[in-house]
Amino acid sequence: MASERFLTLADVADILNISASQTYALVKSGELKGIQIGGRKQWRVERTKLEEYIAQAYESTAASLNDLPSALPADAAH
């Protein structure tokens, strides 16, 4: 699996440590880019798209943490 270009949704779920249904929801919503291939239209996610998704998740998390108020009010620190 380490050198494969395309990953199954089960592979992605394992990498992200989430359920297969959560992975499907990410792909179906377009949050994680995937393609449907073959006669049975099976989903595949390109490894580079998964890495882009992970990087974007880090950026989004950092931005939301910056928007949170600090844990202690300024007066309580004294």
N, C-alpha and C. Protein backbone atom coordinates (compact mmCIF):
# COMPACT_ATOMS: atom_id res chain seq x y z
N MET A 1 0.82 -1.20 0.00
CA MET A 1 0.00 0.00 0.00
C MET A 1 0.86 1.26 0.00
N ALA A 2 2.08 1.20 0.49
CA ALA A 2 2.90 2.39 0.67
C ALA A 2 3.20 3.11 -0.64
N SER A 3 3.34 2.38 -1.75
CA SER A 3 3.72 3.03 -3.00
C SER A 3 2.57 3.14 -3.99
N GLU A 4 1.38 2.74 -3.62
CA GLU A 4 0.25 2.81 -4.54
C GLU A 4 -0.18 4.25 -4.76
N ARG A 5 -0.52 4.56 -6.02
CA ARG A 5 -0.98 5.92 -6.34
C ARG A 5 -2.39 6.14 -5.85
N PHE A 6 -3.26 5.15 -6.04
CA PHE A 6 -4.66 5.28 -5.65
C PHE A 6 -4.98 4.37 -4.47
N LEU A 7 -5.77 4.89 -3.56
CA LEU A 7 -6.16 4.17 -2.35
C LEU A 7 -7.65 3.88 -2.36
N THR A 8 -8.04 2.76 -1.80
CA THR A 8 -9.46 2.49 -1.61
C THR A 8 -9.95 3.33 -0.43
N LEU A 9 -11.26 3.41 -0.28
CA LEU A 9 -11.81 4.12 0.87
C LEU A 9 -11.43 3.42 2.17
N ALA A 10 -11.31 2.10 2.13
CA ALA A 10 -10.88 1.35 3.32
C ALA A 10 -9.44 1.71 3.69
N ASP A 11 -8.58 1.87 2.67
CA ASP A 11 -7.20 2.28 2.93
C ASP A 11 -7.16 3.66 3.58
N VAL A 12 -7.94 4.58 3.02
CA VAL A 12 -7.99 5.95 3.56
C VAL A 12 -8.52 5.94 4.99
N ALA A 13 -9.54 5.14 5.24
CA ALA A 13 -10.10 5.04 6.59
C ALA A 13 -9.03 4.55 7.56
N ASP A 14 -8.25 3.57 7.15
CA ASP A 14 -7.17 3.06 8.01
C ASP A 14 -6.12 4.14 8.28
N ILE A 15 -5.73 4.86 7.26
CA ILE A 15 -4.71 5.90 7.41
C ILE A 15 -5.19 7.01 8.34
N LEU A 16 -6.45 7.43 8.18
CA LEU A 16 -6.98 8.51 9.00
C LEU A 16 -7.53 8.03 10.34
N ASN A 17 -7.59 6.72 10.51
CA ASN A 17 -8.13 6.12 11.73
C ASN A 17 -9.58 6.55 11.97
N ILE A 18 -10.37 6.47 10.89
CA ILE A 18 -11.80 6.76 10.95
C ILE A 18 -12.55 5.59 10.32
N SER A 19 -13.87 5.62 10.42
CA SER A 19 -14.66 4.54 9.84
C SER A 19 -14.77 4.69 8.33
N ALA A 20 -15.12 3.60 7.68
CA ALA A 20 -15.33 3.62 6.23
C ALA A 20 -16.48 4.55 5.87
N SER A 21 -17.51 4.59 6.70
CA SER A 21 -18.65 5.48 6.39
C SER A 21 -18.25 6.95 6.53
N GLN A 22 -17.37 7.27 7.46
CA GLN A 22 -16.89 8.65 7.57
C GLN A 22 -16.06 9.02 6.35
N THR A 23 -15.25 8.08 5.87
CA THR A 23 -14.45 8.32 4.67
C THR A 23 -15.35 8.54 3.47
N TYR A 24 -16.37 7.71 3.33
CA TYR A 24 -17.32 7.86 2.23
C TYR A 24 -17.99 9.23 2.29
N ALA A 25 -18.37 9.67 3.47
CA ALA A 25 -19.01 10.97 3.62
C ALA A 25 -18.07 12.11 3.21
N LEU A 26 -16.78 11.99 3.54
CA LEU A 26 -15.80 13.01 3.14
C LEU A 26 -15.68 13.10 1.62
N VAL A 27 -15.65 11.93 0.97
CA VAL A 27 -15.52 11.90 -0.49
C VAL A 27 -16.81 12.38 -1.14
N LYS A 28 -17.94 11.90 -0.64
CA LYS A 28 -19.24 12.25 -1.22
C LYS A 28 -19.49 13.76 -1.13
N SER A 29 -19.05 14.39 -0.03
CA SER A 29 -19.26 15.83 0.15
C SER A 29 -18.28 16.66 -0.67
N GLY A 30 -17.21 16.03 -1.16
CA GLY A 30 -16.20 16.75 -1.91
C GLY A 30 -15.09 17.33 -1.04
N GLU A 31 -15.20 17.15 0.26
CA GLU A 31 -14.16 17.64 1.17
C GLU A 31 -12.84 16.93 0.91
N LEU A 32 -12.91 15.64 0.61
CA LEU A 32 -11.76 14.84 0.21
C LEU A 32 -12.00 14.46 -1.25
N LYS A 33 -11.08 14.83 -2.12
CA LYS A 33 -11.26 14.58 -3.55
C LYS A 33 -11.04 13.11 -3.87
N GLY A 34 -11.98 12.54 -4.59
CA GLY A 34 -11.89 11.15 -5.01
C GLY A 34 -12.48 10.99 -6.40
N ILE A 35 -12.27 9.82 -6.97
CA ILE A 35 -12.84 9.51 -8.28
C ILE A 35 -13.54 8.17 -8.21
N GLN A 36 -14.50 7.99 -9.11
CA GLN A 36 -15.16 6.71 -9.26
C GLN A 36 -14.66 6.08 -10.56
N ILE A 37 -14.21 4.84 -10.46
CA ILE A 37 -13.65 4.17 -11.63
C ILE A 37 -14.25 2.78 -11.78
N GLY A 38 -14.11 2.25 -12.97
CA GLY A 38 -14.55 0.89 -13.24
C GLY A 38 -16.05 0.80 -13.46
N GLY A 39 -16.47 -0.37 -13.90
CA GLY A 39 -17.88 -0.61 -14.19
C GLY A 39 -18.76 -0.51 -12.97
N ARG A 40 -18.18 -0.78 -11.80
CA ARG A 40 -18.96 -0.72 -10.56
C ARG A 40 -18.81 0.61 -9.85
N LYS A 41 -18.10 1.55 -10.50
CA LYS A 41 -17.94 2.91 -9.97
C LYS A 41 -17.39 2.92 -8.54
N GLN A 42 -16.33 2.18 -8.34
CA GLN A 42 -15.72 2.13 -7.02
C GLN A 42 -14.89 3.39 -6.79
N TRP A 43 -14.95 3.89 -5.55
CA TRP A 43 -14.22 5.10 -5.19
C TRP A 43 -12.74 4.81 -4.99
N ARG A 44 -11.92 5.76 -5.46
CA ARG A 44 -10.48 5.74 -5.22
C ARG A 44 -10.04 7.16 -4.89
N VAL A 45 -9.06 7.26 -4.02
CA VAL A 45 -8.50 8.55 -3.63
C VAL A 45 -7.02 8.53 -3.96
N GLU A 46 -6.60 9.52 -4.72
CA GLU A 46 -5.18 9.60 -5.06
C GLU A 46 -4.40 10.00 -3.80
N ARG A 47 -3.27 9.37 -3.60
CA ARG A 47 -2.48 9.61 -2.40
C ARG A 47 -2.17 11.10 -2.22
N THR A 48 -1.87 11.80 -3.31
CA THR A 48 -1.55 13.23 -3.21
C THR A 48 -2.76 14.03 -2.73
N LYS A 49 -3.98 13.61 -3.13
CA LYS A 49 -5.20 14.30 -2.67
C LYS A 49 -5.42 14.08 -1.18
N LEU A 50 -5.09 12.87 -0.70
CA LEU A 50 -5.19 12.60 0.72
C LEU A 50 -4.21 13.47 1.50
N GLU A 51 -2.99 13.60 1.01
CA GLU A 51 -1.99 14.44 1.68
C GLU A 51 -2.42 15.90 1.68
N GLU A 52 -3.03 16.36 0.58
CA GLU A 52 -3.56 17.73 0.52
C GLU A 52 -4.67 17.93 1.55
N TYR A 53 -5.55 16.94 1.67
CA TYR A 53 -6.63 17.00 2.64
C TYR A 53 -6.08 17.10 4.06
N ILE A 54 -5.07 16.29 4.36
CA ILE A 54 -4.48 16.31 5.69
C ILE A 54 -3.84 17.66 5.97
N ALA A 55 -3.10 18.21 5.01
CA ALA A 55 -2.47 19.53 5.19
C ALA A 55 -3.53 20.61 5.42
N GLN A 56 -4.61 20.54 4.65
CA GLN A 56 -5.70 21.52 4.80
C GLN A 56 -6.36 21.37 6.17
N ALA A 57 -6.50 20.14 6.66
CA ALA A 57 -7.09 19.92 7.98
C ALA A 57 -6.22 20.53 9.07
N TYR A 58 -4.89 20.43 8.93
CA TYR A 58 -3.98 21.06 9.88
C TYR A 58 -4.17 22.58 9.86
N GLU A 59 -4.24 23.17 8.66
CA GLU A 59 -4.41 24.62 8.53
C GLU A 59 -5.73 25.07 9.13
N SER A 60 -6.79 24.34 8.85
CA SER A 60 -8.12 24.66 9.36
C SER A 60 -8.16 24.57 10.89
N THR A 61 -7.52 23.54 11.43
CA THR A 61 -7.47 23.37 12.88
C THR A 61 -6.69 24.50 13.53
N ALA A 62 -5.56 24.86 12.95
CA ALA A 62 -4.75 25.95 13.50
C ALA A 62 -5.53 27.26 13.47
N ALA A 63 -6.24 27.52 12.38
CA ALA A 63 -7.02 28.75 12.27
C ALA A 63 -8.13 28.79 13.31
N SER A 64 -8.80 27.66 13.53
CA SER A 64 -9.88 27.64 14.51
C SER A 64 -9.34 27.78 15.93
N LEU A 65 -8.14 27.25 16.18
CA LEU A 65 -7.53 27.41 17.50
C LEU A 65 -7.13 28.87 17.75
N ASN A 66 -6.69 29.55 16.71
CA ASN A 66 -6.34 30.96 16.84
C ASN A 66 -7.55 31.82 17.14
N ASP A 67 -8.73 31.37 16.73
CA ASP A 67 -9.96 32.12 16.95
C ASP A 67 -10.54 31.91 18.34
N LEU A 68 -10.05 30.90 19.07
CA LEU A 68 -10.57 30.61 20.40
C LEU A 68 -10.04 31.63 21.40
N PRO A 69 -10.86 32.00 22.38
CA PRO A 69 -10.33 32.89 23.42
C PRO A 69 -9.28 32.14 24.25
N SER A 70 -8.40 32.89 24.87
CA SER A 70 -7.38 32.23 25.69
C SER A 70 -8.05 31.55 26.88
N ALA A 71 -7.39 30.55 27.44
CA ALA A 71 -7.97 29.76 28.53
C ALA A 71 -8.19 30.59 29.78
N LEU A 72 -7.29 31.53 30.06
CA LEU A 72 -7.42 32.34 31.25
C LEU A 72 -7.56 33.82 30.89
N PRO A 73 -8.45 34.54 31.52
CA PRO A 73 -8.51 35.97 31.30
C PRO A 73 -7.18 36.62 31.73
N ALA A 74 -6.84 37.75 31.16
CA ALA A 74 -5.57 38.42 31.47
C ALA A 74 -5.42 38.71 32.95
N ASP A 75 -6.50 39.07 33.62
CA ASP A 75 -6.45 39.40 35.05
C ASP A 75 -6.16 38.17 35.88
N ALA A 76 -6.56 37.00 35.46
CA ALA A 76 -6.39 35.78 36.26
C ALA A 76 -4.95 35.30 36.24
N ALA A 77 -4.15 35.75 35.29
CA ALA A 77 -2.77 35.31 35.19
C ALA A 77 -1.89 35.91 36.27
N HIS A 78 -2.32 36.95 36.94
CA HIS A 78 -1.50 37.63 37.96
C HIS A 78 -1.62 36.97 39.27
